Amino acid sequence: MPYVIASPCIDIMDRSCIEECPVDCIYEGERKLYVNPKECIDCGACEPVCPVEAIAQDRRVEPDQKVFIEDNRAFFVEVLTGRDAPLGAPGGSRKVGDIGVDTPLVSGWA
């Protein structure tokens, strides 16, 4: 997974990264944003515009945030609460809009 959005995004969701992403690969959960690993082209445009520094390449994620590497992937490959199937790679967040749910990790984040 090229880029990961970690805990500083929870309950902030500035969305500057969505506006900057040239391939529309950043999806909106209820409390946090998620980068689709199948759609991201690893360009890095999202990282410098994040005001809370929540975005990093997967190999540069801070040690205490590494759990978000798997969690970002899980958002797209697991069936989330209230959904019938995994989100997968639908070809851009504008096509599907706000997903409105999060992974269990983010939903339970205090």
N, C-alpha and C. Protein backbone atom coordinates (compact mmCIF):
# COMPACT_ATOMS: atom_id res chain seq x y z
N MET A 1 0.85 -1.17 0.00
CA MET A 1 0.00 0.00 0.00
C MET A 1 0.90 1.24 0.00
N PRO A 2 0.80 2.07 -0.98
CA PRO A 2 1.69 3.23 -1.06
C PRO A 2 1.51 4.23 0.08
N TYR A 3 0.34 4.77 0.29
CA TYR A 3 0.13 5.76 1.34
C TYR A 3 -0.93 5.29 2.32
N VAL A 4 -0.78 5.74 3.56
CA VAL A 4 -1.66 5.33 4.65
C VAL A 4 -2.10 6.60 5.40
N ILE A 5 -3.34 6.61 5.82
CA ILE A 5 -3.84 7.70 6.66
C ILE A 5 -4.02 7.14 8.06
N ALA A 6 -3.37 7.76 9.03
CA ALA A 6 -3.33 7.25 10.40
C ALA A 6 -4.24 8.03 11.35
N SER A 7 -4.08 7.81 12.63
CA SER A 7 -5.00 8.32 13.65
C SER A 7 -5.18 9.84 13.71
N PRO A 8 -4.19 10.67 13.34
CA PRO A 8 -4.46 12.11 13.42
C PRO A 8 -5.66 12.56 12.58
N CYS A 9 -6.06 11.76 11.61
CA CYS A 9 -7.22 12.09 10.77
C CYS A 9 -8.55 11.84 11.47
N ILE A 10 -8.56 10.96 12.46
CA ILE A 10 -9.82 10.58 13.11
C ILE A 10 -10.48 11.81 13.71
N ASP A 11 -11.72 12.00 13.34
CA ASP A 11 -12.59 13.11 13.76
C ASP A 11 -12.10 14.48 13.28
N ILE A 12 -11.11 14.52 12.39
CA ILE A 12 -10.65 15.78 11.80
C ILE A 12 -11.11 15.86 10.34
N MET A 13 -10.72 14.91 9.54
CA MET A 13 -11.08 14.78 8.12
C MET A 13 -11.12 16.12 7.39
N ASP A 14 -10.00 16.78 7.29
CA ASP A 14 -9.86 18.07 6.62
C ASP A 14 -10.25 18.00 5.13
N ARG A 15 -9.99 16.89 4.48
CA ARG A 15 -10.32 16.62 3.09
C ARG A 15 -9.45 17.34 2.06
N SER A 16 -8.42 18.05 2.49
CA SER A 16 -7.49 18.68 1.53
C SER A 16 -6.85 17.62 0.64
N CYS A 17 -6.59 16.47 1.22
CA CYS A 17 -5.96 15.38 0.46
C CYS A 17 -6.87 14.90 -0.67
N ILE A 18 -8.17 14.87 -0.43
CA ILE A 18 -9.12 14.44 -1.46
C ILE A 18 -9.05 15.39 -2.65
N GLU A 19 -9.01 16.68 -2.37
CA GLU A 19 -8.95 17.69 -3.43
C GLU A 19 -7.64 17.59 -4.22
N GLU A 20 -6.56 17.19 -3.56
CA GLU A 20 -5.25 17.14 -4.19
C GLU A 20 -4.99 15.85 -4.97
N CYS A 21 -5.67 14.78 -4.63
CA CYS A 21 -5.42 13.46 -5.23
C CYS A 21 -5.81 13.43 -6.71
N PRO A 22 -4.85 13.16 -7.60
CA PRO A 22 -5.14 13.15 -9.03
C PRO A 22 -5.92 11.93 -9.51
N VAL A 23 -5.99 10.88 -8.70
CA VAL A 23 -6.68 9.66 -9.13
C VAL A 23 -7.92 9.35 -8.28
N ASP A 24 -8.30 10.25 -7.39
CA ASP A 24 -9.54 10.10 -6.62
C ASP A 24 -9.57 8.80 -5.81
N CYS A 25 -8.46 8.50 -5.11
CA CYS A 25 -8.36 7.22 -4.40
C CYS A 25 -8.53 7.33 -2.89
N ILE A 26 -8.97 8.49 -2.40
CA ILE A 26 -9.14 8.69 -0.96
C ILE A 26 -10.64 8.70 -0.66
N TYR A 27 -11.04 7.76 0.17
CA TYR A 27 -12.46 7.53 0.47
C TYR A 27 -12.80 8.00 1.88
N GLU A 28 -14.04 8.40 2.05
CA GLU A 28 -14.48 8.98 3.31
C GLU A 28 -15.33 8.01 4.12
N GLY A 29 -14.81 7.66 5.31
CA GLY A 29 -15.59 6.88 6.26
C GLY A 29 -16.38 7.85 7.13
N GLU A 30 -16.87 7.36 8.25
CA GLU A 30 -17.63 8.23 9.15
C GLU A 30 -16.72 9.17 9.94
N ARG A 31 -15.58 8.63 10.42
CA ARG A 31 -14.68 9.41 11.29
C ARG A 31 -13.31 9.66 10.68
N LYS A 32 -12.98 8.99 9.56
CA LYS A 32 -11.62 9.01 9.03
C LYS A 32 -11.63 8.80 7.53
N LEU A 33 -10.56 9.23 6.87
CA LEU A 33 -10.36 9.00 5.45
C LEU A 33 -9.44 7.80 5.25
N TYR A 34 -9.56 7.15 4.09
CA TYR A 34 -8.80 5.93 3.78
C TYR A 34 -8.28 6.00 2.35
N VAL A 35 -7.02 5.58 2.14
CA VAL A 35 -6.42 5.52 0.80
C VAL A 35 -6.63 4.11 0.25
N ASN A 36 -7.20 4.03 -0.96
CA ASN A 36 -7.41 2.73 -1.59
C ASN A 36 -6.07 2.25 -2.16
N PRO A 37 -5.52 1.15 -1.64
CA PRO A 37 -4.20 0.69 -2.09
C PRO A 37 -4.17 0.20 -3.53
N LYS A 38 -5.31 -0.18 -4.08
CA LYS A 38 -5.37 -0.65 -5.47
C LYS A 38 -5.44 0.52 -6.45
N GLU A 39 -5.89 1.67 -5.98
CA GLU A 39 -6.07 2.82 -6.87
C GLU A 39 -4.98 3.88 -6.73
N CYS A 40 -4.29 3.90 -5.61
CA CYS A 40 -3.25 4.91 -5.36
C CYS A 40 -2.08 4.69 -6.31
N ILE A 41 -1.59 5.77 -6.91
CA ILE A 41 -0.45 5.69 -7.83
C ILE A 41 0.86 6.10 -7.16
N ASP A 42 0.84 6.27 -5.84
CA ASP A 42 2.04 6.56 -5.07
C ASP A 42 2.70 7.88 -5.49
N CYS A 43 1.88 8.88 -5.83
CA CYS A 43 2.43 10.16 -6.29
C CYS A 43 2.83 11.07 -5.14
N GLY A 44 2.20 10.89 -3.97
CA GLY A 44 2.54 11.69 -2.81
C GLY A 44 1.89 13.06 -2.74
N ALA A 45 0.99 13.38 -3.65
CA ALA A 45 0.35 14.70 -3.64
C ALA A 45 -0.46 14.95 -2.38
N CYS A 46 -0.98 13.92 -1.78
CA CYS A 46 -1.83 14.06 -0.60
C CYS A 46 -1.04 14.40 0.67
N GLU A 47 0.14 13.89 0.78
CA GLU A 47 0.91 13.99 2.03
C GLU A 47 1.19 15.44 2.47
N PRO A 48 1.73 16.30 1.62
CA PRO A 48 2.07 17.64 2.11
C PRO A 48 0.88 18.54 2.41
N VAL A 49 -0.30 18.23 1.90
CA VAL A 49 -1.45 19.11 2.15
C VAL A 49 -2.23 18.74 3.40
N CYS A 50 -1.90 17.64 4.03
CA CYS A 50 -2.61 17.22 5.24
C CYS A 50 -2.18 18.11 6.42
N PRO A 51 -3.12 18.87 6.98
CA PRO A 51 -2.76 19.80 8.05
C PRO A 51 -2.40 19.13 9.38
N VAL A 52 -2.78 17.86 9.54
CA VAL A 52 -2.48 17.16 10.80
C VAL A 52 -1.41 16.08 10.62
N GLU A 53 -0.78 16.05 9.45
CA GLU A 53 0.30 15.11 9.14
C GLU A 53 -0.11 13.66 9.40
N ALA A 54 -1.30 13.31 8.95
CA ALA A 54 -1.82 11.96 9.14
C ALA A 54 -1.40 11.01 8.03
N ILE A 55 -0.85 11.50 6.94
CA ILE A 55 -0.56 10.68 5.76
C ILE A 55 0.94 10.43 5.64
N ALA A 56 1.27 9.15 5.36
CA ALA A 56 2.67 8.77 5.14
C ALA A 56 2.72 7.55 4.23
N GLN A 57 3.86 7.36 3.57
CA GLN A 57 4.06 6.12 2.84
C GLN A 57 4.06 4.98 3.83
N ASP A 58 3.59 3.82 3.41
CA ASP A 58 3.48 2.69 4.33
C ASP A 58 4.79 2.34 5.00
N ARG A 59 5.89 2.50 4.31
CA ARG A 59 7.20 2.17 4.90
C ARG A 59 7.73 3.27 5.81
N ARG A 60 7.02 4.42 5.88
CA ARG A 60 7.46 5.53 6.73
C ARG A 60 6.45 5.86 7.84
N VAL A 61 5.48 5.00 8.04
CA VAL A 61 4.49 5.23 9.09
C VAL A 61 5.19 5.11 10.45
N GLU A 62 4.86 6.02 11.35
CA GLU A 62 5.45 5.99 12.70
C GLU A 62 5.13 4.66 13.38
N PRO A 63 6.04 4.13 14.18
CA PRO A 63 5.83 2.83 14.82
C PRO A 63 4.50 2.70 15.57
N ASP A 64 4.08 3.74 16.26
CA ASP A 64 2.83 3.66 17.01
C ASP A 64 1.59 3.76 16.12
N GLN A 65 1.79 3.97 14.82
CA GLN A 65 0.68 4.09 13.87
C GLN A 65 0.64 2.94 12.86
N LYS A 66 1.53 1.98 13.00
CA LYS A 66 1.62 0.89 12.02
C LYS A 66 0.34 0.07 11.88
N VAL A 67 -0.48 0.04 12.91
CA VAL A 67 -1.74 -0.69 12.85
C VAL A 67 -2.64 -0.14 11.73
N PHE A 68 -2.42 1.11 11.34
CA PHE A 68 -3.24 1.72 10.30
C PHE A 68 -2.87 1.26 8.89
N ILE A 69 -1.73 0.63 8.72
CA ILE A 69 -1.39 0.06 7.42
C ILE A 69 -2.40 -1.02 7.07
N GLU A 70 -2.57 -1.97 7.96
CA GLU A 70 -3.55 -3.05 7.74
C GLU A 70 -4.98 -2.51 7.79
N ASP A 71 -5.24 -1.55 8.66
CA ASP A 71 -6.58 -1.01 8.79
C ASP A 71 -7.04 -0.32 7.50
N ASN A 72 -6.15 0.43 6.84
CA ASN A 72 -6.51 1.06 5.57
C ASN A 72 -6.89 0.00 4.54
N ARG A 73 -6.12 -1.08 4.47
CA ARG A 73 -6.43 -2.16 3.53
C ARG A 73 -7.77 -2.79 3.88
N ALA A 74 -7.99 -3.02 5.17
CA ALA A 74 -9.23 -3.66 5.62
C ALA A 74 -10.47 -2.88 5.22
N PHE A 75 -10.38 -1.57 5.18
CA PHE A 75 -11.53 -0.74 4.80
C PHE A 75 -12.06 -1.13 3.42
N PHE A 76 -11.19 -1.61 2.55
CA PHE A 76 -11.58 -1.94 1.18
C PHE A 76 -11.84 -3.43 0.94
N VAL A 77 -11.27 -4.29 1.77
CA VAL A 77 -11.39 -5.74 1.50
C VAL A 77 -12.32 -6.48 2.46
N GLU A 78 -12.68 -5.87 3.57
CA GLU A 78 -13.58 -6.52 4.51
C GLU A 78 -14.98 -5.95 4.39
N VAL A 79 -15.97 -6.73 4.78
CA VAL A 79 -17.35 -6.25 4.81
C VAL A 79 -17.51 -5.41 6.07
N LEU A 80 -17.84 -4.15 5.89
CA LEU A 80 -18.01 -3.24 7.02
C LEU A 80 -19.46 -3.23 7.49
N THR A 81 -19.67 -2.81 8.71
CA THR A 81 -21.01 -2.75 9.30
C THR A 81 -21.96 -2.00 8.36
N GLY A 82 -23.11 -2.60 8.10
CA GLY A 82 -24.11 -1.97 7.26
C GLY A 82 -23.91 -2.14 5.77
N ARG A 83 -22.87 -2.86 5.37
CA ARG A 83 -22.61 -3.09 3.95
C ARG A 83 -22.75 -4.57 3.65
N ASP A 84 -23.11 -4.90 2.42
CA ASP A 84 -23.31 -6.29 2.02
C ASP A 84 -22.06 -6.95 1.43
N ALA A 85 -21.12 -6.12 1.00
CA ALA A 85 -19.92 -6.65 0.34
C ALA A 85 -18.76 -5.68 0.59
N PRO A 86 -17.54 -6.16 0.39
CA PRO A 86 -16.39 -5.25 0.51
C PRO A 86 -16.48 -4.14 -0.54
N LEU A 87 -15.91 -3.01 -0.24
CA LEU A 87 -15.90 -1.88 -1.17
C LEU A 87 -15.05 -2.18 -2.40
N GLY A 88 -13.92 -2.85 -2.19
CA GLY A 88 -13.04 -3.19 -3.31
C GLY A 88 -12.38 -1.96 -3.89
N ALA A 89 -12.27 -1.92 -5.20
CA ALA A 89 -11.67 -0.80 -5.92
C ALA A 89 -12.68 -0.30 -6.95
N PRO A 90 -13.61 0.55 -6.51
CA PRO A 90 -14.69 0.99 -7.40
C PRO A 90 -14.29 2.01 -8.46
N GLY A 91 -13.03 2.45 -8.45
CA GLY A 91 -12.58 3.36 -9.50
C GLY A 91 -12.73 4.84 -9.17
N GLY A 92 -12.72 5.16 -7.91
CA GLY A 92 -12.75 6.56 -7.50
C GLY A 92 -13.82 6.85 -6.46
N SER A 93 -13.44 7.68 -5.51
CA SER A 93 -14.37 7.97 -4.40
C SER A 93 -15.56 8.81 -4.84
N ARG A 94 -15.40 9.61 -5.87
CA ARG A 94 -16.53 10.42 -6.33
C ARG A 94 -17.67 9.55 -6.86
N LYS A 95 -17.35 8.38 -7.37
CA LYS A 95 -18.36 7.46 -7.89
C LYS A 95 -19.26 6.92 -6.78
N VAL A 96 -18.68 6.70 -5.59
CA VAL A 96 -19.44 6.07 -4.50
C VAL A 96 -19.84 7.04 -3.40
N GLY A 97 -19.19 8.19 -3.32
CA GLY A 97 -19.52 9.17 -2.30
C GLY A 97 -19.06 8.75 -0.91
N ASP A 98 -19.60 9.41 0.09
CA ASP A 98 -19.27 9.14 1.48
C ASP A 98 -19.70 7.72 1.85
N ILE A 99 -18.77 6.91 2.34
CA ILE A 99 -19.08 5.53 2.70
C ILE A 99 -19.88 5.50 4.00
N GLY A 100 -19.58 6.40 4.92
CA GLY A 100 -20.38 6.56 6.14
C GLY A 100 -20.15 5.56 7.24
N VAL A 101 -19.21 4.65 7.06
CA VAL A 101 -18.84 3.70 8.12
C VAL A 101 -17.32 3.60 8.16
N ASP A 102 -16.83 3.08 9.27
CA ASP A 102 -15.39 2.90 9.44
C ASP A 102 -15.08 1.46 9.79
N THR A 103 -13.80 1.17 9.82
CA THR A 103 -13.33 -0.12 10.29
C THR A 103 -13.60 -0.21 11.81
N PRO A 104 -13.60 -1.41 12.36
CA PRO A 104 -13.78 -1.53 13.82
C PRO A 104 -12.72 -0.77 14.61
N LEU A 105 -11.47 -0.73 14.13
CA LEU A 105 -10.41 0.01 14.82
C LEU A 105 -10.78 1.47 14.96
N VAL A 106 -11.19 2.08 13.88
CA VAL A 106 -11.51 3.51 13.89
C VAL A 106 -12.83 3.77 14.62
N SER A 107 -13.82 2.92 14.43
CA SER A 107 -15.09 3.09 15.12
C SER A 107 -14.93 3.09 16.64
N GLY A 108 -14.02 2.25 17.13
CA GLY A 108 -13.81 2.14 18.56
C GLY A 108 -12.73 3.04 19.12
N TRP A 109 -12.11 3.85 18.26
CA TRP A 109 -11.00 4.72 18.70
C TRP A 109 -11.51 5.77 19.68
N ALA A 110 -10.83 5.88 20.80
CA ALA A 110 -11.27 6.85 21.82
C ALA A 110 -10.57 8.16 21.68
